[in-house]
Amino acid sequence: MATDLLGPWGESLAAEYLRKKHYELVGVNYRCRFGEIDIIAENKKYLVFVEVKLRKSAKFAEAMEFVDRRKQERLRQTAAMYLAQHETNKQPRFDVIEVYAPEGLATKKPELRHWEDAFESDSFL
């Protein structure tokens, strides 16, 4: 299967996981001049900006390690733009969902790890 299908597949797995955890999806693949946010969801307390990282394994490094400072800054700027366009009383939070699929799209039971509050969100407020 084409590798360009892996990203959307991983994001759909993450979105379904969040729904099962009683999050309401607000948006997917939000884009602006600063970057993209894979999933925007909310629960009773938080507006959550979610970065989804899909990897075959954590052998080289955990997927979350690929959300480096530069990527975090782009996510903060993109979230700030979103918040300027969409008012909310909820506290913003940045999460990372790692999806591990050793056989790619053929993986029967991909492993998901949800890192809540994965990095600081107060630096852009």
N, C-alpha and C. Protein backbone atom coordinates (compact mmCIF):
# COMPACT_ATOMS: atom_id res chain seq x y z
N MET A 1 0.84 -1.19 0.00
CA MET A 1 0.00 0.00 0.00
C MET A 1 0.88 1.25 0.00
N ALA A 2 0.31 2.31 -0.48
CA ALA A 2 1.06 3.56 -0.59
C ALA A 2 1.32 4.16 0.78
N THR A 3 2.53 4.69 0.95
CA THR A 3 2.87 5.29 2.23
C THR A 3 2.10 6.57 2.48
N ASP A 4 1.58 7.21 1.42
CA ASP A 4 0.82 8.45 1.62
C ASP A 4 -0.54 8.19 2.28
N LEU A 5 -0.92 6.93 2.40
CA LEU A 5 -2.16 6.58 3.11
C LEU A 5 -1.93 6.37 4.60
N LEU A 6 -0.67 6.17 4.99
CA LEU A 6 -0.36 5.89 6.40
C LEU A 6 -0.72 7.04 7.33
N GLY A 7 -0.35 8.26 6.96
CA GLY A 7 -0.64 9.42 7.81
C GLY A 7 -2.12 9.57 8.10
N PRO A 8 -2.97 9.65 7.06
CA PRO A 8 -4.41 9.76 7.31
C PRO A 8 -4.98 8.57 8.09
N TRP A 9 -4.44 7.37 7.84
CA TRP A 9 -4.89 6.19 8.57
C TRP A 9 -4.56 6.32 10.05
N GLY A 10 -3.34 6.75 10.36
CA GLY A 10 -2.93 6.94 11.75
C GLY A 10 -3.77 8.02 12.43
N GLU A 11 -4.05 9.10 11.71
CA GLU A 11 -4.87 10.18 12.26
C GLU A 11 -6.30 9.71 12.52
N SER A 12 -6.83 8.87 11.64
CA SER A 12 -8.20 8.36 11.87
C SER A 12 -8.23 7.42 13.08
N LEU A 13 -7.17 6.64 13.28
CA LEU A 13 -7.09 5.79 14.48
C LEU A 13 -7.04 6.65 15.74
N ALA A 14 -6.26 7.71 15.70
CA ALA A 14 -6.15 8.61 16.84
C ALA A 14 -7.48 9.31 17.11
N ALA A 15 -8.17 9.74 16.06
CA ALA A 15 -9.46 10.40 16.21
C ALA A 15 -10.48 9.45 16.84
N GLU A 16 -10.50 8.21 16.39
CA GLU A 16 -11.43 7.23 16.97
C GLU A 16 -11.10 6.96 18.44
N TYR A 17 -9.82 6.89 18.75
CA TYR A 17 -9.39 6.71 20.14
C TYR A 17 -9.91 7.85 21.00
N LEU A 18 -9.77 9.10 20.51
CA LEU A 18 -10.23 10.26 21.28
C LEU A 18 -11.75 10.23 21.46
N ARG A 19 -12.48 9.85 20.41
CA ARG A 19 -13.95 9.75 20.54
C ARG A 19 -14.32 8.76 21.64
N LYS A 20 -13.64 7.63 21.67
CA LYS A 20 -13.92 6.62 22.70
C LYS A 20 -13.60 7.13 24.11
N LYS A 21 -12.68 8.10 24.18
CA LYS A 21 -12.32 8.71 25.47
C LYS A 21 -13.20 9.93 25.78
N HIS A 22 -14.29 10.09 25.04
CA HIS A 22 -15.29 11.15 25.24
C HIS A 22 -14.79 12.54 24.90
N TYR A 23 -13.87 12.63 23.95
CA TYR A 23 -13.48 13.91 23.40
C TYR A 23 -14.41 14.19 22.22
N GLU A 24 -14.70 15.45 21.99
CA GLU A 24 -15.45 15.84 20.81
C GLU A 24 -14.46 16.42 19.80
N LEU A 25 -14.49 15.90 18.58
CA LEU A 25 -13.60 16.42 17.56
C LEU A 25 -14.12 17.76 17.08
N VAL A 26 -13.24 18.74 17.07
CA VAL A 26 -13.58 20.10 16.65
C VAL A 26 -13.06 20.35 15.23
N GLY A 27 -11.92 19.77 14.91
CA GLY A 27 -11.35 19.94 13.59
C GLY A 27 -10.24 18.95 13.32
N VAL A 28 -9.98 18.72 12.05
CA VAL A 28 -8.86 17.86 11.64
C VAL A 28 -8.08 18.58 10.55
N ASN A 29 -6.79 18.40 10.58
CA ASN A 29 -5.89 18.99 9.59
C ASN A 29 -6.11 20.49 9.42
N TYR A 30 -6.18 21.19 10.55
CA TYR A 30 -6.28 22.65 10.52
C TYR A 30 -4.97 23.22 10.00
N ARG A 31 -5.06 24.07 8.98
CA ARG A 31 -3.85 24.65 8.37
C ARG A 31 -3.92 26.16 8.37
N CYS A 32 -2.77 26.75 8.56
CA CYS A 32 -2.60 28.19 8.39
C CYS A 32 -1.17 28.41 7.92
N ARG A 33 -0.76 29.65 7.82
CA ARG A 33 0.58 29.93 7.29
C ARG A 33 1.71 29.41 8.17
N PHE A 34 1.42 29.13 9.43
CA PHE A 34 2.45 28.65 10.35
C PHE A 34 2.64 27.14 10.32
N GLY A 35 1.59 26.41 9.94
CA GLY A 35 1.70 24.97 9.94
C GLY A 35 0.35 24.29 9.98
N GLU A 36 0.36 23.07 10.48
CA GLU A 36 -0.85 22.24 10.51
C GLU A 36 -0.97 21.57 11.87
N ILE A 37 -2.21 21.43 12.30
CA ILE A 37 -2.50 20.65 13.50
C ILE A 37 -3.35 19.47 13.06
N ASP A 38 -2.93 18.26 13.42
CA ASP A 38 -3.60 17.06 12.95
C ASP A 38 -5.04 16.97 13.44
N ILE A 39 -5.23 17.13 14.75
CA ILE A 39 -6.57 16.99 15.34
C ILE A 39 -6.75 18.08 16.39
N ILE A 40 -7.92 18.68 16.40
CA ILE A 40 -8.31 19.59 17.47
C ILE A 40 -9.56 18.98 18.10
N ALA A 41 -9.48 18.74 19.40
CA ALA A 41 -10.58 18.09 20.11
C ALA A 41 -10.79 18.81 21.44
N GLU A 42 -11.92 18.54 22.05
CA GLU A 42 -12.17 19.13 23.36
C GLU A 42 -12.87 18.14 24.26
N ASN A 43 -12.62 18.33 25.54
CA ASN A 43 -13.37 17.63 26.57
C ASN A 43 -13.97 18.70 27.47
N LYS A 44 -14.41 18.34 28.64
CA LYS A 44 -15.08 19.32 29.50
C LYS A 44 -14.17 20.48 29.89
N LYS A 45 -12.89 20.24 30.00
CA LYS A 45 -11.98 21.25 30.53
C LYS A 45 -11.01 21.85 29.49
N TYR A 46 -10.60 21.05 28.51
CA TYR A 46 -9.51 21.45 27.62
C TYR A 46 -9.91 21.51 26.15
N LEU A 47 -9.27 22.44 25.44
CA LEU A 47 -9.24 22.42 23.98
C LEU A 47 -7.88 21.85 23.64
N VAL A 48 -7.86 20.70 23.00
CA VAL A 48 -6.63 19.93 22.84
C VAL A 48 -6.15 19.96 21.39
N PHE A 49 -4.91 20.37 21.21
CA PHE A 49 -4.26 20.36 19.90
C PHE A 49 -3.40 19.10 19.87
N VAL A 50 -3.72 18.20 18.95
CA VAL A 50 -3.10 16.87 18.95
C VAL A 50 -2.20 16.69 17.73
N GLU A 51 -0.98 16.31 18.00
CA GLU A 51 -0.03 15.92 16.95
C GLU A 51 0.00 14.40 16.94
N VAL A 52 -0.23 13.80 15.78
CA VAL A 52 -0.23 12.35 15.63
C VAL A 52 1.07 11.94 14.95
N LYS A 53 1.77 10.98 15.55
CA LYS A 53 3.02 10.48 14.99
C LYS A 53 2.89 8.97 14.81
N LEU A 54 3.05 8.51 13.56
CA LEU A 54 2.95 7.09 13.25
C LEU A 54 4.33 6.56 12.91
N ARG A 55 4.67 5.45 13.51
CA ARG A 55 5.95 4.79 13.25
C ARG A 55 5.72 3.28 13.24
N LYS A 56 6.67 2.57 12.61
CA LYS A 56 6.58 1.11 12.64
C LYS A 56 6.97 0.56 14.01
N SER A 57 7.96 1.21 14.64
CA SER A 57 8.40 0.76 15.96
C SER A 57 9.10 1.91 16.67
N ALA A 58 9.43 1.67 17.93
CA ALA A 58 10.17 2.65 18.71
C ALA A 58 11.64 2.26 18.79
N LYS A 59 12.07 1.37 17.91
CA LYS A 59 13.44 0.86 17.94
C LYS A 59 14.47 1.99 17.80
N PHE A 60 14.27 2.87 16.83
CA PHE A 60 15.20 3.99 16.63
C PHE A 60 14.97 5.08 17.68
N ALA A 61 13.71 5.48 17.86
CA ALA A 61 13.33 6.49 18.85
C ALA A 61 11.81 6.45 18.98
N GLU A 62 11.32 6.84 20.13
CA GLU A 62 9.87 6.92 20.30
C GLU A 62 9.33 8.00 19.38
N ALA A 63 8.12 7.79 18.89
CA ALA A 63 7.51 8.72 17.94
C ALA A 63 7.45 10.13 18.51
N MET A 64 7.18 10.25 19.80
CA MET A 64 7.05 11.55 20.42
C MET A 64 8.34 12.37 20.32
N GLU A 65 9.47 11.69 20.25
CA GLU A 65 10.76 12.38 20.17
C GLU A 65 10.92 13.17 18.87
N PHE A 66 10.06 12.88 17.88
CA PHE A 66 10.11 13.61 16.62
C PHE A 66 9.34 14.93 16.69
N VAL A 67 8.71 15.19 17.83
CA VAL A 67 8.07 16.50 18.06
C VAL A 67 9.09 17.34 18.81
N ASP A 68 10.07 17.83 18.06
CA ASP A 68 11.16 18.58 18.65
C ASP A 68 10.73 20.03 18.94
N ARG A 69 11.65 20.81 19.47
CA ARG A 69 11.34 22.21 19.83
C ARG A 69 10.84 23.02 18.64
N ARG A 70 11.44 22.81 17.50
CA ARG A 70 11.02 23.54 16.30
C ARG A 70 9.57 23.19 15.93
N LYS A 71 9.25 21.91 15.97
CA LYS A 71 7.88 21.46 15.67
C LYS A 71 6.92 21.99 16.73
N GLN A 72 7.33 21.97 17.99
CA GLN A 72 6.49 22.50 19.07
C GLN A 72 6.18 23.97 18.84
N GLU A 73 7.17 24.73 18.42
CA GLU A 73 6.96 26.16 18.18
C GLU A 73 5.98 26.39 17.04
N ARG A 74 6.11 25.61 15.97
CA ARG A 74 5.16 25.72 14.86
C ARG A 74 3.75 25.36 15.32
N LEU A 75 3.63 24.34 16.17
CA LEU A 75 2.31 23.96 16.70
C LEU A 75 1.74 25.07 17.57
N ARG A 76 2.58 25.69 18.39
CA ARG A 76 2.12 26.81 19.24
C ARG A 76 1.61 27.96 18.38
N GLN A 77 2.36 28.32 17.34
CA GLN A 77 1.96 29.43 16.47
C GLN A 77 0.66 29.10 15.74
N THR A 78 0.54 27.88 15.27
CA THR A 78 -0.68 27.46 14.57
C THR A 78 -1.87 27.46 15.52
N ALA A 79 -1.65 26.99 16.74
CA ALA A 79 -2.73 27.00 17.74
C ALA A 79 -3.13 28.42 18.10
N ALA A 80 -2.16 29.31 18.20
CA ALA A 80 -2.47 30.72 18.50
C ALA A 80 -3.34 31.32 17.40
N MET A 81 -3.04 30.98 16.16
CA MET A 81 -3.85 31.47 15.04
C MET A 81 -5.27 30.89 15.13
N TYR A 82 -5.37 29.62 15.44
CA TYR A 82 -6.68 28.99 15.60
C TYR A 82 -7.47 29.70 16.70
N LEU A 83 -6.83 29.94 17.83
CA LEU A 83 -7.51 30.57 18.96
C LEU A 83 -7.91 32.02 18.65
N ALA A 84 -7.15 32.69 17.81
CA ALA A 84 -7.52 34.05 17.41
C ALA A 84 -8.78 34.04 16.55
N GLN A 85 -9.02 32.94 15.86
CA GLN A 85 -10.19 32.81 14.99
C GLN A 85 -11.38 32.13 15.65
N HIS A 86 -11.14 31.40 16.75
CA HIS A 86 -12.19 30.63 17.42
C HIS A 86 -12.10 30.84 18.93
N GLU A 87 -12.98 31.66 19.46
CA GLU A 87 -12.96 31.93 20.90
C GLU A 87 -13.34 30.68 21.69
N THR A 88 -12.73 30.55 22.85
CA THR A 88 -13.05 29.45 23.76
C THR A 88 -12.72 29.86 25.18
N ASN A 89 -13.44 29.29 26.12
CA ASN A 89 -13.14 29.49 27.54
C ASN A 89 -12.30 28.33 28.08
N LYS A 90 -12.05 27.35 27.24
CA LYS A 90 -11.32 26.16 27.69
C LYS A 90 -9.81 26.40 27.65
N GLN A 91 -9.15 25.72 28.54
CA GLN A 91 -7.69 25.79 28.63
C GLN A 91 -7.08 25.02 27.45
N PRO A 92 -6.19 25.64 26.67
CA PRO A 92 -5.53 24.90 25.59
C PRO A 92 -4.49 23.93 26.15
N ARG A 93 -4.32 22.84 25.41
CA ARG A 93 -3.35 21.82 25.82
C ARG A 93 -2.80 21.15 24.55
N PHE A 94 -1.56 20.76 24.61
CA PHE A 94 -0.93 20.06 23.49
C PHE A 94 -0.70 18.60 23.87
N ASP A 95 -1.25 17.71 23.07
CA ASP A 95 -1.08 16.28 23.28
C ASP A 95 -0.37 15.69 22.07
N VAL A 96 0.27 14.55 22.28
CA VAL A 96 0.84 13.77 21.20
C VAL A 96 0.26 12.37 21.30
N ILE A 97 -0.20 11.84 20.18
CA ILE A 97 -0.63 10.45 20.12
C ILE A 97 0.32 9.72 19.20
N GLU A 98 0.99 8.73 19.77
CA GLU A 98 1.89 7.88 19.01
C GLU A 98 1.10 6.68 18.52
N VAL A 99 1.28 6.35 17.25
CA VAL A 99 0.65 5.16 16.67
C VAL A 99 1.79 4.28 16.17
N TYR A 100 1.85 3.05 16.69
CA TYR A 100 2.87 2.09 16.26
C TYR A 100 2.19 0.98 15.46
N ALA A 101 2.60 0.86 14.20
CA ALA A 101 2.01 -0.11 13.29
C ALA A 101 3.14 -0.85 12.57
N PRO A 102 3.61 -1.96 13.14
CA PRO A 102 4.76 -2.67 12.58
C PRO A 102 4.58 -3.13 11.14
N GLU A 103 3.35 -3.46 10.75
CA GLU A 103 3.10 -3.91 9.38
C GLU A 103 2.39 -2.84 8.56
N GLY A 104 2.52 -1.59 8.96
CA GLY A 104 1.86 -0.51 8.23
C GLY A 104 0.35 -0.67 8.25
N LEU A 105 -0.29 -0.46 7.11
CA LEU A 105 -1.75 -0.55 7.03
C LEU A 105 -2.26 -1.95 7.32
N ALA A 106 -1.42 -2.96 7.19
CA ALA A 106 -1.83 -4.34 7.45
C ALA A 106 -1.80 -4.69 8.94
N THR A 107 -1.36 -3.78 9.78
CA THR A 107 -1.30 -4.04 11.22
C THR A 107 -2.70 -4.22 11.77
N LYS A 108 -2.94 -5.38 12.38
CA LYS A 108 -4.28 -5.68 12.90
C LYS A 108 -4.61 -4.93 14.18
N LYS A 109 -3.63 -4.79 15.07
CA LYS A 109 -3.85 -4.09 16.34
C LYS A 109 -2.73 -3.09 16.58
N PRO A 110 -2.84 -1.92 15.97
CA PRO A 110 -1.81 -0.91 16.20
C PRO A 110 -1.82 -0.47 17.67
N GLU A 111 -0.66 -0.14 18.16
CA GLU A 111 -0.54 0.34 19.54
C GLU A 111 -0.61 1.86 19.54
N LEU A 112 -1.46 2.42 20.40
CA LEU A 112 -1.57 3.86 20.55
C LEU A 112 -1.12 4.26 21.93
N ARG A 113 -0.34 5.33 21.99
CA ARG A 113 0.07 5.91 23.27
C ARG A 113 -0.33 7.38 23.26
N HIS A 114 -1.05 7.79 24.27
CA HIS A 114 -1.56 9.17 24.34
C HIS A 114 -0.77 9.91 25.41
N TRP A 115 -0.06 10.94 25.01
CA TRP A 115 0.72 11.78 25.92
C TRP A 115 -0.04 13.08 26.11
N GLU A 116 -0.74 13.19 27.22
CA GLU A 116 -1.47 14.41 27.53
C GLU A 116 -0.50 15.47 28.02
N ASP A 117 -0.79 16.72 27.66
CA ASP A 117 0.05 17.85 28.07
C ASP A 117 1.52 17.55 27.76
N ALA A 118 1.76 17.18 26.52
CA ALA A 118 3.08 16.71 26.10
C ALA A 118 4.15 17.79 26.14
N PHE A 119 3.75 19.05 26.00
CA PHE A 119 4.70 20.15 26.14
C PHE A 119 3.94 21.41 26.52
N GLU A 120 4.68 22.40 26.97
CA GLU A 120 4.09 23.63 27.54
C GLU A 120 3.18 24.35 26.55
N SER A 121 2.02 24.78 27.05
CA SER A 121 1.10 25.55 26.21
C SER A 121 1.00 26.99 26.65
N ASP A 122 1.53 27.33 27.81
CA ASP A 122 1.34 28.69 28.33
C ASP A 122 2.26 29.72 27.69
N SER A 123 3.21 29.30 26.90
CA SER A 123 4.14 30.26 26.33
C SER A 123 3.54 31.11 25.21
N PHE A 124 2.35 30.75 24.71
CA PHE A 124 1.76 31.55 23.65
C PHE A 124 0.50 32.27 24.11
N LEU A 125 0.11 32.08 25.35
CA LEU A 125 -1.12 32.72 25.84
C LEU A 125 -0.89 34.13 26.33
